[in-house]
Amino acid sequence: MASRLGMYRQWPFFQATIDNAALAMAKRYVHRQRYSEMCASDTTRENIWMRIASERDRSRQAILDIVGGSELLAGTAWFQGSIEVRNPYIIL
């Protein structure tokens, strides 16, 4: 069985799929305060937020493991910078 990095480098479909996932992760912007207003219970809100944050972190790490990088979109620094500048202005 081929390694994930090998699959990423040699299989264009797999590479495009992972690159799209990396883009979606980089563009995501979760505004915690806005979402927290939807839940009246502090305990429930924290439990839900911890599950969301945990899954986000696991997904990000899986993408980084596959592409062999340390940051999302590291191969396209200009695009990474553009998204980082954009995210604070996104309102959910």
C-alpha atoms as a PDB file:
ATOM      1  CA  MET A   1       0.000   0.000   0.000  1.00  0.00           C
ATOM      2  CA  ALA A   2       1.341   3.403  -0.985  1.00  0.00           C
ATOM      3  CA  SER A   3       2.017   6.011   1.647  1.00  0.00           C
ATOM      4  CA  ARG A   4      -0.372   8.923   1.907  1.00  0.00           C
ATOM      5  CA  LEU A   5       2.381  11.353   0.881  1.00  0.00           C
ATOM      6  CA  GLY A   6       3.206   9.137  -2.098  1.00  0.00           C
ATOM      7  CA  MET A   7      -0.451   8.993  -3.084  1.00  0.00           C
ATOM      8  CA  TYR A   8      -0.673  12.779  -2.751  1.00  0.00           C
ATOM      9  CA  ARG A   9       2.337  13.315  -4.998  1.00  0.00           C
ATOM     10  CA  GLN A  10       1.501  10.675  -7.624  1.00  0.00           C
ATOM     11  CA  TRP A  11      -2.290  10.653  -7.924  1.00  0.00           C
ATOM     12  CA  PRO A  12      -3.762  13.911  -9.305  1.00  0.00           C
ATOM     13  CA  PHE A  13      -7.306  13.135  -8.138  1.00  0.00           C
ATOM     14  CA  PHE A  14      -6.170  12.508  -4.560  1.00  0.00           C
ATOM     15  CA  GLN A  15      -3.994  15.617  -4.641  1.00  0.00           C
ATOM     16  CA  ALA A  16      -6.889  17.781  -5.867  1.00  0.00           C
ATOM     17  CA  THR A  17      -9.202  16.360  -3.202  1.00  0.00           C
ATOM     18  CA  ILE A  18      -6.725  17.024  -0.394  1.00  0.00           C
ATOM     19  CA  ASP A  19      -5.873  20.478  -1.756  1.00  0.00           C
ATOM     20  CA  ASN A  20      -9.576  21.356  -1.782  1.00  0.00           C
ATOM     21  CA  ALA A  21      -9.900  20.148   1.808  1.00  0.00           C
ATOM     22  CA  ALA A  22      -6.854  22.229   2.794  1.00  0.00           C
ATOM     23  CA  LEU A  23      -8.387  25.282   1.137  1.00  0.00           C
ATOM     24  CA  ALA A  24     -11.678  24.765   2.958  1.00  0.00           C
ATOM     25  CA  MET A  25      -9.842  24.402   6.287  1.00  0.00           C
ATOM     26  CA  ALA A  26      -7.792  27.535   5.643  1.00  0.00           C
ATOM     27  CA  LYS A  27     -10.871  29.553   4.680  1.00  0.00           C
ATOM     28  CA  ARG A  28     -12.973  28.427   7.612  1.00  0.00           C
ATOM     29  CA  TYR A  29     -13.753  31.058  10.161  1.00  0.00           C
ATOM     30  CA  VAL A  30     -15.682  30.028  13.239  1.00  0.00           C
ATOM     31  CA  HIS A  31     -16.903  32.955  15.265  1.00  0.00           C
ATOM     32  CA  ARG A  32     -17.325  31.414  18.692  1.00  0.00           C
ATOM     33  CA  GLN A  33     -19.283  34.277  20.246  1.00  0.00           C
ATOM     34  CA  ARG A  34     -21.913  34.258  17.537  1.00  0.00           C
ATOM     35  CA  TYR A  35     -22.446  30.514  17.774  1.00  0.00           C
ATOM     36  CA  SER A  36     -22.432  30.557  21.549  1.00  0.00           C
ATOM     37  CA  GLU A  37     -25.443  32.867  21.552  1.00  0.00           C
ATOM     38  CA  MET A  38     -27.503  30.020  20.117  1.00  0.00           C
ATOM     39  CA  CYS A  39     -27.136  27.847  23.219  1.00  0.00           C
ATOM     40  CA  ALA A  40     -28.586  28.836  26.575  1.00  0.00           C
ATOM     41  CA  SER A  41     -26.664  26.255  28.608  1.00  0.00           C
ATOM     42  CA  ASP A  42     -23.012  27.074  29.355  1.00  0.00           C
ATOM     43  CA  THR A  43     -22.172  23.396  29.834  1.00  0.00           C
ATOM     44  CA  THR A  44     -23.786  22.309  26.576  1.00  0.00           C
ATOM     45  CA  ARG A  45     -22.165  25.198  24.710  1.00  0.00           C
ATOM     46  CA  GLU A  46     -18.702  24.255  25.989  1.00  0.00           C
ATOM     47  CA  ASN A  47     -19.230  20.557  25.204  1.00  0.00           C
ATOM     48  CA  ILE A  48     -20.302  21.333  21.652  1.00  0.00           C
ATOM     49  CA  TRP A  49     -17.484  23.814  21.123  1.00  0.00           C
ATOM     50  CA  MET A  50     -14.879  21.344  22.391  1.00  0.00           C
ATOM     51  CA  ARG A  51     -16.158  18.699  19.954  1.00  0.00           C
ATOM     52  CA  ILE A  52     -16.041  21.150  17.050  1.00  0.00           C
ATOM     53  CA  ALA A  53     -12.551  22.352  17.967  1.00  0.00           C
ATOM     54  CA  SER A  54     -11.282  18.795  18.418  1.00  0.00           C
ATOM     55  CA  GLU A  55     -12.587  17.677  15.030  1.00  0.00           C
ATOM     56  CA  ARG A  56     -11.177  20.814  13.380  1.00  0.00           C
ATOM     57  CA  ASP A  57      -7.748  20.119  14.870  1.00  0.00           C
ATOM     58  CA  ARG A  58      -7.807  16.439  13.875  1.00  0.00           C
ATOM     59  CA  SER A  59      -8.850  17.278  10.320  1.00  0.00           C
ATOM     60  CA  ARG A  60      -6.161  19.943   9.994  1.00  0.00           C
ATOM     61  CA  GLN A  61      -3.498  17.542  11.275  1.00  0.00           C
ATOM     62  CA  ALA A  62      -4.630  14.783   8.905  1.00  0.00           C
ATOM     63  CA  ILE A  63      -4.265  17.141   5.941  1.00  0.00           C
ATOM     64  CA  LEU A  64      -0.819  18.248   7.112  1.00  0.00           C
ATOM     65  CA  ASP A  65       0.248  14.605   7.550  1.00  0.00           C
ATOM     66  CA  ILE A  66      -0.844  13.802   4.008  1.00  0.00           C
ATOM     67  CA  VAL A  67       0.815  16.787   2.302  1.00  0.00           C
ATOM     68  CA  GLY A  68       3.918  16.637   4.478  1.00  0.00           C
ATOM     69  CA  GLY A  69       3.702  20.247   5.571  1.00  0.00           C
ATOM     70  CA  SER A  70       3.539  22.256   8.734  1.00  0.00           C
ATOM     71  CA  GLU A  71       0.973  24.860   7.633  1.00  0.00           C
ATOM     72  CA  LEU A  72      -2.097  24.725   5.417  1.00  0.00           C
ATOM     73  CA  LEU A  73      -1.433  26.092   1.927  1.00  0.00           C
ATOM     74  CA  ALA A  74       2.297  26.368   2.685  1.00  0.00           C
ATOM     75  CA  GLY A  75       3.033  25.789  -1.008  1.00  0.00           C
ATOM     76  CA  THR A  76       1.097  28.904  -1.976  1.00  0.00           C
ATOM     77  CA  ALA A  77       2.235  31.538   0.501  1.00  0.00           C
ATOM     78  CA  TRP A  78       0.505  34.388  -1.347  1.00  0.00           C
ATOM     79  CA  PHE A  79      -2.829  32.565  -1.108  1.00  0.00           C
ATOM     80  CA  GLN A  80      -2.305  31.684   2.533  1.00  0.00           C
ATOM     81  CA  GLY A  81      -1.592  35.352   3.300  1.00  0.00           C
ATOM     82  CA  SER A  82      -4.634  36.493   1.373  1.00  0.00           C
ATOM     83  CA  ILE A  83      -6.923  34.206   3.379  1.00  0.00           C
ATOM     84  CA  GLU A  84      -5.369  35.278   6.688  1.00  0.00           C
ATOM     85  CA  VAL A  85      -6.063  38.920   5.833  1.00  0.00           C
ATOM     86  CA  ARG A  86      -9.617  38.103   4.683  1.00  0.00           C
ATOM     87  CA  ASN A  87     -10.789  35.973   7.608  1.00  0.00           C
ATOM     88  CA  PRO A  88     -11.221  38.728  10.235  1.00  0.00           C
ATOM     89  CA  TYR A  89     -13.639  40.545   7.931  1.00  0.00           C
ATOM     90  CA  ILE A  90     -15.925  37.565   7.381  1.00  0.00           C
ATOM     91  CA  ILE A  91     -19.144  37.788   9.371  1.00  0.00           C
ATOM     92  CA  LEU A  92     -21.180  34.660   9.907  1.00  0.00           C
END
